Amino acid sequence: MKRKIVKGVLSAVFVLSLAAPVLFVGEARAALDLWGGGSKREEVRNALGYESSSEQDPRTLAATIISIILGFLGIIAVILIIYGGFLWMTAGGNEDQVKKAISFVKNGVIGLLIILAAWSIASFAISSLSEAVGG
């Protein structure tokens, strides 16, 4: 029974983490639509970091896509760490469950380190490319 509840909660967190970016983008776009046209709309768009599709640089688009993917992977790694901590706290002295929990936590931390390294390499490469091309 406990296992079904834990799986249900983890499934809900996973679905919400997938839906959150869509929900926030919708709210920002709705706020932009309230302004109508004119210079106020452009001020709001600039404040939110939006660019028109004709002005958007491919390097900026690539950086945004990489950031979104790595952010999503980071969320998954943190969920693994939390799940491992939950397993560890509820192990009740069961050595097999403690080993399984330690494995989840260790793998989550390693995943976070890999994601951080990938993000730093990608950021460095994109910024170096932008400077070299003259952007």
N, C-alpha and C. Protein backbone atom coordinates (compact mmCIF):
# COMPACT_ATOMS: atom_id res chain seq x y z
N MET A 1 0.82 -1.19 0.00
CA MET A 1 0.00 0.00 0.00
C MET A 1 0.87 1.26 0.00
N LYS A 2 1.92 1.24 0.85
CA LYS A 2 2.82 2.40 0.90
C LYS A 2 3.48 2.63 -0.45
N ARG A 3 3.87 1.54 -1.10
CA ARG A 3 4.57 1.64 -2.37
C ARG A 3 3.69 2.30 -3.43
N LYS A 4 2.39 2.01 -3.42
CA LYS A 4 1.48 2.62 -4.38
C LYS A 4 1.36 4.12 -4.12
N ILE A 5 1.33 4.51 -2.87
CA ILE A 5 1.24 5.93 -2.53
C ILE A 5 2.50 6.66 -2.97
N VAL A 6 3.65 6.06 -2.69
CA VAL A 6 4.93 6.68 -3.08
C VAL A 6 5.02 6.81 -4.60
N LYS A 7 4.62 5.76 -5.31
CA LYS A 7 4.65 5.82 -6.77
C LYS A 7 3.69 6.88 -7.29
N GLY A 8 2.53 7.00 -6.65
CA GLY A 8 1.57 8.02 -7.06
C GLY A 8 2.11 9.43 -6.85
N VAL A 9 2.73 9.66 -5.71
CA VAL A 9 3.30 10.98 -5.42
C VAL A 9 4.44 11.29 -6.38
N LEU A 10 5.32 10.34 -6.61
CA LEU A 10 6.43 10.56 -7.54
C LEU A 10 5.92 10.79 -8.96
N SER A 11 4.89 10.07 -9.35
CA SER A 11 4.30 10.28 -10.68
C SER A 11 3.72 11.68 -10.79
N ALA A 12 3.03 12.14 -9.74
CA ALA A 12 2.45 13.48 -9.76
C ALA A 12 3.53 14.54 -9.84
N VAL A 13 4.62 14.38 -9.10
CA VAL A 13 5.72 15.34 -9.14
C VAL A 13 6.35 15.35 -10.54
N PHE A 14 6.50 14.19 -11.13
CA PHE A 14 7.08 14.10 -12.47
C PHE A 14 6.20 14.80 -13.50
N VAL A 15 4.90 14.55 -13.44
CA VAL A 15 3.99 15.18 -14.39
C VAL A 15 3.96 16.69 -14.19
N LEU A 16 3.95 17.14 -12.94
CA LEU A 16 3.97 18.58 -12.69
C LEU A 16 5.26 19.23 -13.16
N SER A 17 6.38 18.52 -13.01
CA SER A 17 7.64 19.09 -13.49
C SER A 17 7.65 19.20 -15.01
N LEU A 18 6.95 18.30 -15.68
CA LEU A 18 6.84 18.41 -17.14
C LEU A 18 5.89 19.53 -17.55
N ALA A 19 4.83 19.73 -16.76
CA ALA A 19 3.81 20.70 -17.13
C ALA A 19 4.17 22.12 -16.69
N ALA A 20 5.05 22.29 -15.73
CA ALA A 20 5.36 23.61 -15.19
C ALA A 20 5.86 24.60 -16.24
N PRO A 21 6.81 24.23 -17.10
CA PRO A 21 7.25 25.22 -18.11
C PRO A 21 6.12 25.67 -19.03
N VAL A 22 5.25 24.75 -19.38
CA VAL A 22 4.13 25.11 -20.25
C VAL A 22 3.21 26.08 -19.54
N LEU A 23 2.97 25.84 -18.26
CA LEU A 23 2.08 26.72 -17.51
C LEU A 23 2.67 28.12 -17.37
N PHE A 24 3.96 28.22 -17.10
CA PHE A 24 4.57 29.53 -16.90
C PHE A 24 4.66 30.32 -18.21
N VAL A 25 4.94 29.64 -19.31
CA VAL A 25 5.00 30.32 -20.60
C VAL A 25 3.63 30.85 -20.97
N GLY A 26 2.58 30.08 -20.67
CA GLY A 26 1.22 30.54 -20.95
C GLY A 26 0.87 31.79 -20.18
N GLU A 27 1.28 31.88 -18.93
CA GLU A 27 0.99 33.07 -18.13
C GLU A 27 1.74 34.28 -18.67
N ALA A 28 2.99 34.09 -19.09
CA ALA A 28 3.76 35.21 -19.62
C ALA A 28 3.15 35.70 -20.93
N ARG A 29 2.73 34.77 -21.77
CA ARG A 29 2.12 35.17 -23.03
C ARG A 29 0.78 35.86 -22.81
N ALA A 30 0.01 35.40 -21.82
CA ALA A 30 -1.26 36.05 -21.51
C ALA A 30 -1.02 37.47 -21.03
N ALA A 31 0.03 37.68 -20.24
CA ALA A 31 0.36 39.03 -19.77
C ALA A 31 0.75 39.92 -20.94
N LEU A 32 1.46 39.37 -21.92
CA LEU A 32 1.82 40.14 -23.10
C LEU A 32 0.59 40.54 -23.90
N ASP A 33 -0.38 39.62 -24.00
CA ASP A 33 -1.58 39.90 -24.79
C ASP A 33 -2.44 40.98 -24.15
N LEU A 34 -2.36 41.15 -22.83
CA LEU A 34 -3.15 42.19 -22.16
C LEU A 34 -2.72 43.59 -22.57
N TRP A 35 -1.46 43.74 -22.94
CA TRP A 35 -0.95 45.06 -23.29
C TRP A 35 -1.39 45.52 -24.67
N GLY A 36 -1.83 44.60 -25.51
CA GLY A 36 -2.21 44.99 -26.87
C GLY A 36 -0.97 45.29 -27.68
N GLY A 37 -1.03 46.31 -28.53
CA GLY A 37 0.11 46.65 -29.37
C GLY A 37 0.83 47.86 -28.80
N GLY A 38 1.76 48.36 -29.58
CA GLY A 38 2.45 49.59 -29.22
C GLY A 38 3.73 49.36 -28.46
N SER A 39 4.27 50.47 -27.95
CA SER A 39 5.58 50.42 -27.31
C SER A 39 5.55 49.71 -25.96
N LYS A 40 4.41 49.78 -25.25
CA LYS A 40 4.33 49.08 -23.96
C LYS A 40 4.52 47.58 -24.15
N ARG A 41 3.94 47.04 -25.19
CA ARG A 41 4.09 45.62 -25.46
C ARG A 41 5.56 45.27 -25.69
N GLU A 42 6.27 46.11 -26.44
CA GLU A 42 7.69 45.86 -26.69
C GLU A 42 8.50 45.96 -25.41
N GLU A 43 8.14 46.89 -24.53
CA GLU A 43 8.85 47.01 -23.25
C GLU A 43 8.66 45.74 -22.42
N VAL A 44 7.43 45.23 -22.38
CA VAL A 44 7.17 44.01 -21.62
C VAL A 44 7.90 42.82 -22.26
N ARG A 45 7.86 42.73 -23.58
CA ARG A 45 8.56 41.64 -24.27
C ARG A 45 10.06 41.68 -23.98
N ASN A 46 10.65 42.87 -24.00
CA ASN A 46 12.09 43.00 -23.71
C ASN A 46 12.38 42.65 -22.26
N ALA A 47 11.49 43.05 -21.35
CA ALA A 47 11.70 42.74 -19.93
C ALA A 47 11.64 41.24 -19.68
N LEU A 48 10.79 40.53 -20.43
CA LEU A 48 10.68 39.08 -20.26
C LEU A 48 11.72 38.32 -21.06
N GLY A 49 12.47 39.00 -21.91
CA GLY A 49 13.52 38.35 -22.67
C GLY A 49 13.07 37.74 -23.98
N TYR A 50 11.88 38.12 -24.45
CA TYR A 50 11.40 37.60 -25.73
C TYR A 50 12.04 38.36 -26.87
N GLU A 51 12.28 37.65 -27.96
CA GLU A 51 12.76 38.27 -29.19
C GLU A 51 11.85 37.79 -30.30
N SER A 52 11.68 38.59 -31.32
CA SER A 52 10.87 38.13 -32.44
C SER A 52 11.64 37.04 -33.17
N SER A 53 10.90 36.17 -33.84
CA SER A 53 11.54 35.02 -34.48
C SER A 53 12.51 35.45 -35.59
N SER A 54 12.26 36.60 -36.20
CA SER A 54 13.16 37.03 -37.27
C SER A 54 14.47 37.59 -36.72
N GLU A 55 14.46 38.04 -35.47
CA GLU A 55 15.67 38.62 -34.87
C GLU A 55 16.46 37.63 -34.02
N GLN A 56 15.90 36.46 -33.73
CA GLN A 56 16.54 35.54 -32.80
C GLN A 56 17.75 34.87 -33.45
N ASP A 57 18.86 34.92 -32.74
CA ASP A 57 20.11 34.34 -33.20
C ASP A 57 20.09 32.82 -32.98
N PRO A 58 20.57 32.04 -33.92
CA PRO A 58 20.59 30.58 -33.73
C PRO A 58 21.41 30.15 -32.52
N ARG A 59 22.45 30.91 -32.21
CA ARG A 59 23.25 30.57 -31.02
C ARG A 59 22.44 30.73 -29.75
N THR A 60 21.61 31.78 -29.71
CA THR A 60 20.75 32.00 -28.54
C THR A 60 19.72 30.89 -28.44
N LEU A 61 19.17 30.49 -29.57
CA LEU A 61 18.20 29.40 -29.58
C LEU A 61 18.84 28.10 -29.10
N ALA A 62 20.05 27.81 -29.57
CA ALA A 62 20.76 26.60 -29.14
C ALA A 62 21.04 26.63 -27.64
N ALA A 63 21.46 27.78 -27.14
CA ALA A 63 21.74 27.91 -25.71
C ALA A 63 20.47 27.71 -24.90
N THR A 64 19.36 28.23 -25.39
CA THR A 64 18.09 28.07 -24.68
C THR A 64 17.66 26.61 -24.66
N ILE A 65 17.78 25.94 -25.79
CA ILE A 65 17.39 24.53 -25.85
C ILE A 65 18.27 23.69 -24.93
N ILE A 66 19.57 23.94 -24.95
CA ILE A 66 20.49 23.19 -24.08
C ILE A 66 20.17 23.45 -22.62
N SER A 67 19.88 24.70 -22.26
CA SER A 67 19.53 25.02 -20.87
C SER A 67 18.26 24.32 -20.42
N ILE A 68 17.26 24.27 -21.31
CA ILE A 68 16.00 23.61 -20.96
C ILE A 68 16.23 22.11 -20.75
N ILE A 69 16.97 21.48 -21.65
CA ILE A 69 17.21 20.04 -21.53
C ILE A 69 18.01 19.73 -20.27
N LEU A 70 19.07 20.50 -20.02
CA LEU A 70 19.88 20.24 -18.83
C LEU A 70 19.11 20.55 -17.55
N GLY A 71 18.24 21.56 -17.60
CA GLY A 71 17.40 21.85 -16.43
C GLY A 71 16.45 20.71 -16.14
N PHE A 72 15.85 20.14 -17.18
CA PHE A 72 14.96 19.00 -17.00
C PHE A 72 15.72 17.81 -16.43
N LEU A 73 16.91 17.54 -16.95
CA LEU A 73 17.72 16.44 -16.42
C LEU A 73 18.12 16.70 -14.96
N GLY A 74 18.38 17.96 -14.63
CA GLY A 74 18.69 18.30 -13.24
C GLY A 74 17.52 18.03 -12.32
N ILE A 75 16.32 18.33 -12.78
CA ILE A 75 15.12 18.04 -11.98
C ILE A 75 15.01 16.54 -11.73
N ILE A 76 15.26 15.74 -12.77
CA ILE A 76 15.19 14.29 -12.61
C ILE A 76 16.24 13.81 -11.61
N ALA A 77 17.45 14.36 -11.67
CA ALA A 77 18.51 13.95 -10.74
C ALA A 77 18.15 14.31 -9.30
N VAL A 78 17.57 15.49 -9.11
CA VAL A 78 17.16 15.88 -7.75
C VAL A 78 16.04 14.98 -7.25
N ILE A 79 15.11 14.61 -8.12
CA ILE A 79 14.04 13.69 -7.72
C ILE A 79 14.63 12.34 -7.32
N LEU A 80 15.65 11.87 -8.05
CA LEU A 80 16.32 10.62 -7.66
C LEU A 80 16.96 10.72 -6.28
N ILE A 81 17.58 11.85 -6.00
CA ILE A 81 18.21 12.04 -4.69
C ILE A 81 17.15 12.06 -3.59
N ILE A 82 16.06 12.76 -3.83
CA ILE A 82 14.98 12.82 -2.83
C ILE A 82 14.37 11.44 -2.61
N TYR A 83 14.15 10.71 -3.71
CA TYR A 83 13.59 9.36 -3.58
C TYR A 83 14.54 8.45 -2.81
N GLY A 84 15.85 8.55 -3.09
CA GLY A 84 16.83 7.76 -2.35
C GLY A 84 16.84 8.11 -0.87
N GLY A 85 16.73 9.40 -0.57
CA GLY A 85 16.65 9.81 0.83
C GLY A 85 15.40 9.28 1.51
N PHE A 86 14.28 9.30 0.78
CA PHE A 86 13.04 8.76 1.33
C PHE A 86 13.18 7.27 1.61
N LEU A 87 13.77 6.53 0.66
CA LEU A 87 13.98 5.09 0.87
C LEU A 87 14.88 4.84 2.08
N TRP A 88 15.91 5.66 2.22
CA TRP A 88 16.84 5.49 3.31
C TRP A 88 16.16 5.75 4.65
N MET A 89 15.36 6.79 4.70
CA MET A 89 14.70 7.14 5.96
C MET A 89 13.63 6.12 6.35
N THR A 90 13.04 5.46 5.37
CA THR A 90 12.00 4.48 5.67
C THR A 90 12.50 3.05 5.63
N ALA A 91 13.81 2.85 5.58
CA ALA A 91 14.38 1.51 5.48
C ALA A 91 14.10 0.68 6.73
N GLY A 92 14.10 1.31 7.87
CA GLY A 92 13.81 0.59 9.11
C GLY A 92 14.82 -0.50 9.42
N GLY A 93 16.07 -0.30 9.04
CA GLY A 93 17.11 -1.27 9.34
C GLY A 93 17.28 -2.34 8.29
N ASN A 94 16.50 -2.32 7.25
CA ASN A 94 16.62 -3.30 6.17
C ASN A 94 17.84 -2.95 5.32
N GLU A 95 18.85 -3.82 5.39
CA GLU A 95 20.12 -3.54 4.71
C GLU A 95 19.98 -3.45 3.19
N ASP A 96 19.11 -4.28 2.62
CA ASP A 96 18.93 -4.24 1.17
C ASP A 96 18.34 -2.91 0.73
N GLN A 97 17.37 -2.42 1.49
CA GLN A 97 16.74 -1.14 1.13
C GLN A 97 17.72 0.02 1.35
N VAL A 98 18.57 -0.08 2.37
CA VAL A 98 19.57 0.97 2.59
C VAL A 98 20.57 0.99 1.44
N LYS A 99 21.01 -0.17 0.98
CA LYS A 99 21.93 -0.22 -0.15
C LYS A 99 21.29 0.36 -1.41
N LYS A 100 20.02 0.03 -1.61
CA LYS A 100 19.30 0.56 -2.76
C LYS A 100 19.18 2.08 -2.66
N ALA A 101 18.90 2.59 -1.46
CA ALA A 101 18.78 4.04 -1.25
C ALA A 101 20.10 4.74 -1.48
N ILE A 102 21.17 4.17 -0.96
CA ILE A 102 22.50 4.76 -1.16
C ILE A 102 22.83 4.80 -2.65
N SER A 103 22.45 3.75 -3.36
CA SER A 103 22.69 3.72 -4.81
C SER A 103 21.94 4.85 -5.51
N PHE A 104 20.66 5.08 -5.14
CA PHE A 104 19.89 6.17 -5.73
C PHE A 104 20.54 7.52 -5.45
N VAL A 105 20.94 7.74 -4.21
CA VAL A 105 21.54 9.03 -3.84
C VAL A 105 22.87 9.22 -4.57
N LYS A 106 23.70 8.19 -4.58
CA LYS A 106 25.00 8.29 -5.24
C LYS A 106 24.84 8.55 -6.74
N ASN A 107 23.94 7.83 -7.38
CA ASN A 107 23.72 8.04 -8.80
C ASN A 107 23.13 9.41 -9.10
N GLY A 108 22.26 9.90 -8.22
CA GLY A 108 21.71 11.24 -8.41
C GLY A 108 22.77 12.33 -8.30
N VAL A 109 23.67 12.17 -7.34
CA VAL A 109 24.74 13.16 -7.17
C VAL A 109 25.70 13.11 -8.35
N ILE A 110 26.04 11.92 -8.80
CA ILE A 110 26.91 11.80 -9.97
C ILE A 110 26.23 12.42 -11.19
N GLY A 111 24.93 12.18 -11.33
CA GLY A 111 24.19 12.78 -12.44
C GLY A 111 24.20 14.29 -12.38
N LEU A 112 24.02 14.85 -11.18
CA LEU A 112 24.06 16.31 -11.04
C LEU A 112 25.43 16.87 -11.41
N LEU A 113 26.49 16.17 -11.02
CA LEU A 113 27.84 16.62 -11.37
C LEU A 113 28.06 16.58 -12.88
N ILE A 114 27.58 15.53 -13.53
CA ILE A 114 27.72 15.43 -14.98
C ILE A 114 26.93 16.53 -15.67
N ILE A 115 25.71 16.79 -15.18
CA ILE A 115 24.86 17.84 -15.76
C ILE A 115 25.51 19.20 -15.58
N LEU A 116 26.06 19.47 -14.41
CA LEU A 116 26.75 20.74 -14.16
C LEU A 116 27.95 20.90 -15.08
N ALA A 117 28.71 19.82 -15.26
CA ALA A 117 29.87 19.88 -16.16
C ALA A 117 29.42 20.12 -17.60
N ALA A 118 28.36 19.43 -18.02
CA ALA A 118 27.86 19.62 -19.38
C ALA A 118 27.37 21.05 -19.59
N TRP A 119 26.68 21.59 -18.59
CA TRP A 119 26.19 22.96 -18.70
C TRP A 119 27.35 23.95 -18.80
N SER A 120 28.38 23.75 -17.97
CA SER A 120 29.50 24.69 -18.01
C SER A 120 30.26 24.60 -19.33
N ILE A 121 30.42 23.40 -19.86
CA ILE A 121 31.10 23.24 -21.14
C ILE A 121 30.28 23.88 -22.26
N ALA A 122 28.97 23.63 -22.25
CA ALA A 122 28.10 24.20 -23.29
C ALA A 122 28.08 25.72 -23.20
N SER A 123 28.00 26.26 -22.00
CA SER A 123 28.00 27.72 -21.84
C SER A 123 29.31 28.33 -22.34
N PHE A 124 30.42 27.70 -21.99
CA PHE A 124 31.72 28.19 -22.45
C PHE A 124 31.82 28.14 -23.97
N ALA A 125 31.39 27.02 -24.55
CA ALA A 125 31.49 26.87 -26.00
C ALA A 125 30.61 27.88 -26.73
N ILE A 126 29.40 28.09 -26.25
CA ILE A 126 28.49 29.03 -26.92
C ILE A 126 28.99 30.46 -26.75
N SER A 127 29.47 30.82 -25.56
CA SER A 127 29.98 32.19 -25.38
C SER A 127 31.25 32.41 -26.19
N SER A 128 32.11 31.42 -26.28
CA SER A 128 33.32 31.55 -27.10
C SER A 128 32.97 31.67 -28.57
N LEU A 129 31.99 30.90 -29.00
CA LEU A 129 31.54 30.98 -30.38
C LEU A 129 30.93 32.35 -30.67
N SER A 130 30.16 32.86 -29.75
CA SER A 130 29.55 34.18 -29.93
C SER A 130 30.60 35.27 -30.04
N GLU A 131 31.63 35.21 -29.19
CA GLU A 131 32.70 36.21 -29.23
C GLU A 131 33.52 36.09 -30.51
N ALA A 132 33.78 34.84 -30.94
CA ALA A 132 34.61 34.63 -32.14
C ALA A 132 33.90 35.10 -33.41
N VAL A 133 32.60 34.92 -33.46
CA VAL A 133 31.84 35.30 -34.64
C VAL A 133 31.53 36.78 -34.61
N GLY A 134 31.53 37.34 -33.41
CA GLY A 134 31.29 38.78 -33.29
C GLY A 134 29.87 39.11 -32.86
N GLY A 135 29.28 38.23 -32.03
CA GLY A 135 27.92 38.45 -31.59
C GLY A 135 27.84 39.01 -30.28
